[in-house]
Amino acid sequence: MSENTSKGSMTEEKIVAKVAELMQTLDEVKKYNVLEKHFKKFATIVIVSIVICVLVNILFSTSSILSGFDEPQKFLLTFLLTAIPIVGIGAGGLYIRTKVKAVKTGEWKEELSHGFPSALKILSEMDWESSFKAVSSGGLSYAMYGLVKGAAYWIIAYIAAGFAFNITTYLLMHQTRVLGGISLWLSLLITFLYLKKDLSRRFNEIRALDKLQWELRRFSSELRNTEF
């Protein structure tokens, strides 16, 4: 009798643990889906800042606005233009972070702290198909965020590499037009090395979401076939 009770107790503990894991995942998925929801605004902020930088740079190059400045001053003013996309990326990142922090999580913890009966209540009130879709779309949103983050870091690295090359060539050869292929590929390498661990972590977490979705489907099937 005690052995059966022990087994039943373990089954209940397993269910409570699985429910906690599910709810924690759904909390994270909420954050990922917020990224997807506000992705267009983030992209718009970044793209507009880059376009403004390019247009002003073209204006400087095709007009006589800078004719009254010497070469070092022209170089400094031109470089200051690169602050525009950096500010745009920073503003977009801050906007997304604010939205993510506003997501309410952990509201289920107090109810689940009451144990197995509360876990069953949470499960009975859950829309399983909607939850599965949320997990699936959450993985996609997380991947998109990683790509956007990588692109933003690449832009910043490209600007920094170009500035470093321009400073070097100006000091050595009094030339400041070296924002070409070298800066592009060097910035790509720097970005990859800097984000290597982050990219690996994101890849593993996306795989974990896929695995968890499969486990939750199996868990849902087991619950339907279990009598309490």
Protein backbone atom coordinates (compact mmCIF):
# COMPACT_ATOMS: atom_id res chain seq x y z
CA MET A 1 0.00 0.00 0.00
CA SER A 2 2.77 2.37 0.94
CA GLU A 3 4.59 1.48 -2.27
CA ASN A 4 1.57 2.43 -4.39
CA THR A 5 1.16 5.66 -2.46
CA SER A 6 4.80 6.45 -3.05
CA LYS A 7 4.42 5.84 -6.77
CA GLY A 8 1.31 8.01 -6.85
CA SER A 9 3.14 10.73 -5.01
CA MET A 10 6.00 10.60 -7.51
CA THR A 11 3.50 10.86 -10.37
CA GLU A 12 1.95 13.95 -8.81
CA GLU A 13 5.37 15.51 -8.26
CA LYS A 14 6.26 14.82 -11.87
CA ILE A 15 3.09 16.53 -13.07
CA VAL A 16 3.68 19.57 -10.85
CA ALA A 17 7.28 19.80 -12.11
CA LYS A 18 6.16 19.52 -15.73
CA VAL A 19 3.52 22.19 -15.24
CA ALA A 20 6.13 24.51 -13.69
CA GLU A 21 8.46 23.84 -16.63
CA LEU A 22 5.65 24.50 -19.08
CA MET A 23 4.62 27.78 -17.44
CA GLN A 24 8.24 29.00 -17.24
CA THR A 25 8.64 28.25 -20.93
CA LEU A 26 5.42 30.06 -21.80
CA ASP A 27 6.64 33.06 -19.79
CA GLU A 28 9.81 33.14 -21.90
CA VAL A 29 7.77 32.62 -25.05
CA LYS A 30 5.70 35.69 -24.15
CA LYS A 31 8.90 37.73 -24.25
CA TYR A 32 9.95 36.24 -27.58
CA ASN A 33 6.53 36.98 -29.08
CA VAL A 34 6.80 40.58 -27.89
CA LEU A 35 9.95 40.80 -30.01
CA GLU A 36 7.98 39.60 -33.01
CA LYS A 37 5.10 41.99 -32.28
CA HIS A 38 7.35 45.06 -32.15
CA PHE A 39 9.93 43.91 -34.70
CA LYS A 40 8.63 46.23 -37.44
CA LYS A 41 8.97 49.32 -35.24
CA PHE A 42 12.47 48.29 -34.21
CA ALA A 43 13.49 47.67 -37.82
CA THR A 44 11.93 50.99 -38.88
CA ILE A 45 13.91 52.93 -36.27
CA VAL A 46 17.19 51.30 -37.34
CA ILE A 47 16.56 51.60 -41.10
CA VAL A 48 15.46 55.25 -40.89
CA SER A 49 18.59 56.15 -38.92
CA ILE A 50 20.80 54.44 -41.52
CA VAL A 51 18.97 56.14 -44.41
CA ILE A 52 19.36 59.55 -42.76
CA CYS A 53 23.09 58.89 -42.31
CA VAL A 54 23.49 57.91 -45.99
CA LEU A 55 21.46 60.86 -47.30
CA VAL A 56 23.36 63.42 -45.21
CA ASN A 57 26.65 61.86 -46.29
CA ILE A 58 25.58 62.15 -49.95
CA LEU A 59 24.60 65.76 -49.34
CA PHE A 60 28.02 66.50 -47.87
CA SER A 61 29.76 64.80 -50.81
CA THR A 62 27.78 66.50 -53.58
CA SER A 63 27.54 70.01 -52.16
CA SER A 64 29.94 72.69 -50.97
CA ILE A 65 28.69 72.63 -47.37
CA LEU A 66 32.05 71.39 -46.09
CA SER A 67 34.18 73.55 -48.37
CA GLY A 68 34.98 75.94 -45.54
CA PHE A 69 36.49 73.20 -43.37
CA ASP A 70 39.98 71.71 -43.53
CA GLU A 71 40.54 67.95 -43.96
CA PRO A 72 40.67 66.98 -40.26
CA GLN A 73 37.45 68.90 -39.60
CA LYS A 74 35.75 67.31 -42.61
CA PHE A 75 36.83 63.90 -41.41
CA LEU A 76 35.48 64.55 -37.92
CA LEU A 77 32.14 65.86 -39.20
CA THR A 78 31.78 62.93 -41.58
CA PHE A 79 32.53 60.47 -38.80
CA LEU A 80 29.97 62.11 -36.52
CA LEU A 81 27.35 61.03 -39.06
CA THR A 82 28.02 57.43 -38.08
CA ALA A 83 26.65 58.24 -34.65
CA ILE A 84 23.18 58.47 -36.23
CA PRO A 85 22.76 54.71 -36.91
CA ILE A 86 24.43 53.89 -33.59
CA VAL A 87 21.85 56.05 -31.81
CA GLY A 88 19.11 54.44 -33.93
CA ILE A 89 20.22 50.93 -32.97
CA GLY A 90 20.49 51.95 -29.32
CA ALA A 91 17.04 53.57 -29.36
CA GLY A 92 15.52 50.52 -31.07
CA GLY A 93 17.16 48.17 -28.57
CA LEU A 94 15.95 50.27 -25.65
CA TYR A 95 12.43 50.28 -27.08
CA ILE A 96 12.41 46.48 -27.38
CA ARG A 97 13.91 46.00 -23.92
CA THR A 98 11.23 48.24 -22.40
CA LYS A 99 8.49 46.20 -24.06
CA VAL A 100 10.03 42.90 -22.95
CA LYS A 101 10.39 44.06 -19.34
CA ALA A 102 6.72 45.09 -19.35
CA VAL A 103 5.65 41.46 -19.93
CA LYS A 104 4.06 40.02 -16.80
CA THR A 105 5.51 36.64 -15.81
CA GLY A 106 5.30 34.26 -12.87
CA GLU A 107 1.64 34.96 -12.11
CA TRP A 108 1.05 31.20 -11.91
CA LYS A 109 3.65 30.52 -9.20
CA GLU A 110 1.43 31.30 -6.21
CA GLU A 111 -1.34 29.03 -7.44
CA LEU A 112 1.04 26.21 -8.34
CA SER A 113 2.62 26.40 -4.88
CA HIS A 114 -0.50 24.65 -3.57
CA GLY A 115 0.63 21.48 -5.30
CA PHE A 116 -1.01 18.82 -7.41
CA PRO A 117 -4.66 20.04 -7.29
CA SER A 118 -3.59 23.48 -8.48
CA ALA A 119 -1.48 21.92 -11.24
CA LEU A 120 -4.54 20.03 -12.47
CA LYS A 121 -6.57 23.23 -12.40
CA ILE A 122 -3.96 25.05 -14.48
CA LEU A 123 -3.88 22.19 -16.97
CA SER A 124 -7.67 22.00 -17.23
CA GLU A 125 -7.90 25.72 -18.00
CA MET A 126 -5.08 25.68 -20.55
CA ASP A 127 -5.64 25.93 -24.29
CA TRP A 128 -3.11 23.31 -25.35
CA GLU A 129 -3.13 23.98 -29.09
CA SER A 130 -2.71 27.70 -28.51
CA SER A 131 0.18 26.98 -26.14
CA PHE A 132 1.88 24.73 -28.69
CA LYS A 133 1.56 27.43 -31.35
CA ALA A 134 2.97 30.00 -28.93
CA VAL A 135 6.02 27.81 -28.25
CA SER A 136 6.56 27.25 -31.97
CA SER A 137 6.23 30.94 -32.91
CA GLY A 138 8.33 31.86 -29.88
CA GLY A 139 11.26 29.89 -31.26
CA LEU A 140 10.95 31.72 -34.58
CA SER A 141 10.75 35.10 -32.83
CA TYR A 142 13.83 34.26 -30.77
CA ALA A 143 15.75 33.36 -33.93
CA MET A 144 14.66 36.60 -35.63
CA TYR A 145 15.79 38.61 -32.63
CA GLY A 146 19.19 36.91 -32.79
CA LEU A 147 19.52 37.81 -36.48
CA VAL A 148 18.54 41.43 -35.88
CA LYS A 149 20.94 41.67 -32.95
CA GLY A 150 23.74 40.21 -35.08
CA ALA A 151 23.02 42.66 -37.92
CA ALA A 152 23.00 45.60 -35.50
CA TYR A 153 26.36 44.55 -34.02
CA TRP A 154 27.74 44.11 -37.54
CA ILE A 155 26.78 47.70 -38.43
CA ILE A 156 28.43 49.05 -35.29
CA ALA A 157 31.55 46.92 -35.89
CA TYR A 158 31.69 48.12 -39.51
CA ILE A 159 31.53 51.75 -38.42
CA ALA A 160 34.19 51.20 -35.74
CA ALA A 161 36.50 49.32 -38.13
CA GLY A 162 36.08 52.00 -40.79
CA PHE A 163 36.88 54.72 -38.29
CA ALA A 164 40.00 52.86 -37.13
CA PHE A 165 41.19 52.39 -40.73
CA ASN A 166 40.49 56.03 -41.58
CA ILE A 167 42.40 57.28 -38.55
CA THR A 168 45.36 55.04 -39.40
CA THR A 169 45.50 55.94 -43.09
CA TYR A 170 45.03 59.63 -42.38
CA LEU A 171 47.95 59.66 -39.95
CA LEU A 172 50.18 57.65 -42.30
CA MET A 173 49.07 58.75 -45.79
CA HIS A 174 46.72 61.70 -45.20
CA GLN A 175 43.87 59.79 -46.85
CA THR A 176 40.48 59.06 -45.30
CA ARG A 177 38.63 56.90 -47.84
CA VAL A 178 39.15 53.33 -46.68
CA LEU A 179 35.58 52.22 -45.90
CA GLY A 180 35.71 49.37 -48.38
CA GLY A 181 35.89 45.60 -48.45
CA ILE A 182 38.52 45.31 -45.71
CA SER A 183 36.30 47.05 -43.17
CA LEU A 184 33.31 44.97 -44.27
CA TRP A 185 34.97 41.58 -43.84
CA LEU A 186 36.89 42.54 -40.74
CA SER A 187 33.71 43.78 -39.05
CA LEU A 188 31.95 40.53 -40.00
CA LEU A 189 34.76 38.51 -38.40
CA ILE A 190 34.71 40.69 -35.25
CA THR A 191 30.93 40.32 -34.95
CA PHE A 192 31.09 36.55 -35.36
CA LEU A 193 33.83 36.15 -32.75
CA TYR A 194 32.04 38.48 -30.32
CA LEU A 195 28.65 36.78 -30.70
CA LYS A 196 29.91 33.21 -31.11
CA LYS A 197 28.86 32.10 -27.61
CA ASP A 198 25.57 33.99 -27.86
CA LEU A 199 24.76 32.38 -31.23
CA SER A 200 25.59 28.93 -29.85
CA ARG A 201 23.39 29.55 -26.80
CA ARG A 202 20.49 30.73 -28.94
CA PHE A 203 20.80 27.72 -31.22
CA ASN A 204 20.71 25.37 -28.22
CA GLU A 205 17.73 27.19 -26.69
CA ILE A 206 15.78 27.00 -29.95
CA ARG A 207 16.49 23.26 -30.09
CA ALA A 208 15.40 23.00 -26.46
CA LEU A 209 12.11 24.72 -27.33
CA ASP A 210 11.49 22.22 -30.13
CA LYS A 211 12.30 19.33 -27.81
CA LEU A 212 10.08 20.75 -25.07
CA GLN A 213 7.20 21.15 -27.50
CA TRP A 214 7.46 17.46 -28.38
CA GLU A 215 7.63 16.50 -24.69
CA LEU A 216 4.61 18.65 -23.88
CA ARG A 217 2.58 17.01 -26.62
CA ARG A 218 3.48 13.63 -25.17
CA PHE A 219 2.66 14.94 -21.69
CA SER A 220 -0.72 16.18 -22.93
CA SER A 221 -1.44 12.76 -24.42
CA GLU A 222 -0.46 11.02 -21.17
CA LEU A 223 -2.75 13.29 -19.16
CA ARG A 224 -5.71 12.44 -21.36
CA ASN A 225 -5.12 8.74 -20.69
CA THR A 226 -4.55 9.10 -16.94
CA GLU A 227 -7.27 8.87 -14.31
CA PHE A 228 -6.90 10.94 -11.13
